[in-house]
Amino acid sequence: MNAKEFAHELEKAASFIRQQQAEIEALKKEAALQRLSDFTQEVEAKYGITTKWDGGTTYHETTKPIGKAQEK
């Protein structure tokens, strides 16, 4: 293998590693979003929170007291 062939193989390997790293980062983001979604669902279920949208604004309603209101 000459230097030119070796450089080409190194370039291919570097490209493969960059692609793999991009896929790993995408999977990390997907996993973080899934954990956030699961946590949100747990909190909504715990406090009876519903998410509503009035056509322009998203807001939340709860049927159970949260935080300091819960202590009273």
C-alpha atoms as a PDB file:
ATOM      1  CA  MET A   1       0.000   0.000   0.000  1.00  0.00           C
ATOM      2  CA  ASN A   2       1.460   3.336  -0.968  1.00  0.00           C
ATOM      3  CA  ALA A   3       1.012   6.646   0.865  1.00  0.00           C
ATOM      4  CA  LYS A   4      -1.825   7.775  -1.402  1.00  0.00           C
ATOM      5  CA  GLU A   5      -3.821   4.569  -0.806  1.00  0.00           C
ATOM      6  CA  PHE A   6      -3.130   4.777   2.912  1.00  0.00           C
ATOM      7  CA  ALA A   7      -4.331   8.398   3.037  1.00  0.00           C
ATOM      8  CA  HIS A   8      -7.512   7.398   1.195  1.00  0.00           C
ATOM      9  CA  GLU A   9      -8.195   4.581   3.690  1.00  0.00           C
ATOM     10  CA  LEU A  10      -7.603   6.969   6.602  1.00  0.00           C
ATOM     11  CA  GLU A  11     -10.038   9.431   5.062  1.00  0.00           C
ATOM     12  CA  LYS A  12     -12.676   6.705   4.709  1.00  0.00           C
ATOM     13  CA  ALA A  13     -12.139   5.629   8.329  1.00  0.00           C
ATOM     14  CA  ALA A  14     -12.422   9.213   9.588  1.00  0.00           C
ATOM     15  CA  SER A  15     -15.643   9.695   7.616  1.00  0.00           C
ATOM     16  CA  PHE A  16     -17.067   6.474   9.087  1.00  0.00           C
ATOM     17  CA  ILE A  17     -16.169   7.576  12.622  1.00  0.00           C
ATOM     18  CA  ARG A  18     -17.797  10.991  12.083  1.00  0.00           C
ATOM     19  CA  GLN A  19     -20.955   9.282  10.823  1.00  0.00           C
ATOM     20  CA  GLN A  20     -21.023   6.941  13.809  1.00  0.00           C
ATOM     21  CA  GLN A  21     -20.526   9.853  16.218  1.00  0.00           C
ATOM     22  CA  ALA A  22     -23.416  11.748  14.613  1.00  0.00           C
ATOM     23  CA  GLU A  23     -25.654   8.685  14.998  1.00  0.00           C
ATOM     24  CA  ILE A  24     -24.615   8.301  18.654  1.00  0.00           C
ATOM     25  CA  GLU A  25     -25.421  11.963  19.372  1.00  0.00           C
ATOM     26  CA  ALA A  26     -28.820  11.601  17.677  1.00  0.00           C
ATOM     27  CA  LEU A  27     -29.582   8.529  19.796  1.00  0.00           C
ATOM     28  CA  LYS A  28     -28.538  10.382  22.964  1.00  0.00           C
ATOM     29  CA  LYS A  29     -30.919  13.223  22.117  1.00  0.00           C
ATOM     30  CA  GLU A  30     -33.717  10.776  21.371  1.00  0.00           C
ATOM     31  CA  ALA A  31     -33.153   8.984  24.692  1.00  0.00           C
ATOM     32  CA  ALA A  32     -33.112  12.289  26.604  1.00  0.00           C
ATOM     33  CA  LEU A  33     -36.362  13.376  24.956  1.00  0.00           C
ATOM     34  CA  GLN A  34     -37.954  10.035  25.824  1.00  0.00           C
ATOM     35  CA  ARG A  35     -36.884  10.383  29.490  1.00  0.00           C
ATOM     36  CA  LEU A  36     -38.295  13.924  29.538  1.00  0.00           C
ATOM     37  CA  SER A  37     -41.551  12.731  28.006  1.00  0.00           C
ATOM     38  CA  ASP A  38     -41.830   9.894  30.549  1.00  0.00           C
ATOM     39  CA  PHE A  39     -41.130  12.306  33.427  1.00  0.00           C
ATOM     40  CA  THR A  40     -43.704  14.768  32.112  1.00  0.00           C
ATOM     41  CA  GLN A  41     -46.326  12.027  31.919  1.00  0.00           C
ATOM     42  CA  GLU A  42     -45.551  10.949  35.501  1.00  0.00           C
ATOM     43  CA  VAL A  43     -45.890  14.503  36.817  1.00  0.00           C
ATOM     44  CA  GLU A  44     -49.079  15.106  34.847  1.00  0.00           C
ATOM     45  CA  ALA A  45     -50.578  11.889  36.189  1.00  0.00           C
ATOM     46  CA  LYS A  46     -49.479  12.616  39.775  1.00  0.00           C
ATOM     47  CA  TYR A  47     -51.001  16.100  39.870  1.00  0.00           C
ATOM     48  CA  GLY A  48     -53.900  15.603  37.488  1.00  0.00           C
ATOM     49  CA  ILE A  49     -52.432  18.039  34.980  1.00  0.00           C
ATOM     50  CA  THR A  50     -53.948  18.399  31.562  1.00  0.00           C
ATOM     51  CA  THR A  51     -52.372  20.275  28.694  1.00  0.00           C
ATOM     52  CA  LYS A  52     -54.696  22.453  26.662  1.00  0.00           C
ATOM     53  CA  TRP A  53     -54.304  24.576  23.598  1.00  0.00           C
ATOM     54  CA  ASP A  54     -56.627  27.446  22.801  1.00  0.00           C
ATOM     55  CA  GLY A  55     -55.494  27.843  19.219  1.00  0.00           C
ATOM     56  CA  GLY A  56     -52.642  30.202  20.041  1.00  0.00           C
ATOM     57  CA  THR A  57     -51.376  29.367  23.523  1.00  0.00           C
ATOM     58  CA  THR A  58     -50.586  26.114  25.288  1.00  0.00           C
ATOM     59  CA  TYR A  59     -51.481  26.056  28.967  1.00  0.00           C
ATOM     60  CA  HIS A  60     -51.876  23.549  31.780  1.00  0.00           C
ATOM     61  CA  GLU A  61     -54.651  22.932  34.246  1.00  0.00           C
ATOM     62  CA  THR A  62     -54.502  20.838  37.391  1.00  0.00           C
ATOM     63  CA  THR A  63     -57.125  19.266  39.574  1.00  0.00           C
ATOM     64  CA  LYS A  64     -54.764  18.839  42.545  1.00  0.00           C
ATOM     65  CA  PRO A  65     -52.879  21.514  44.524  1.00  0.00           C
ATOM     66  CA  ILE A  66     -49.156  21.782  43.727  1.00  0.00           C
ATOM     67  CA  GLY A  67     -46.311  23.160  45.844  1.00  0.00           C
ATOM     68  CA  LYS A  68     -47.188  25.615  48.630  1.00  0.00           C
ATOM     69  CA  ALA A  69     -50.882  25.380  47.812  1.00  0.00           C
ATOM     70  CA  GLN A  70     -50.560  21.686  48.604  1.00  0.00           C
ATOM     71  CA  GLU A  71     -49.274  22.444  52.134  1.00  0.00           C
ATOM     72  CA  LYS A  72     -52.301  24.511  53.200  1.00  0.00           C
END
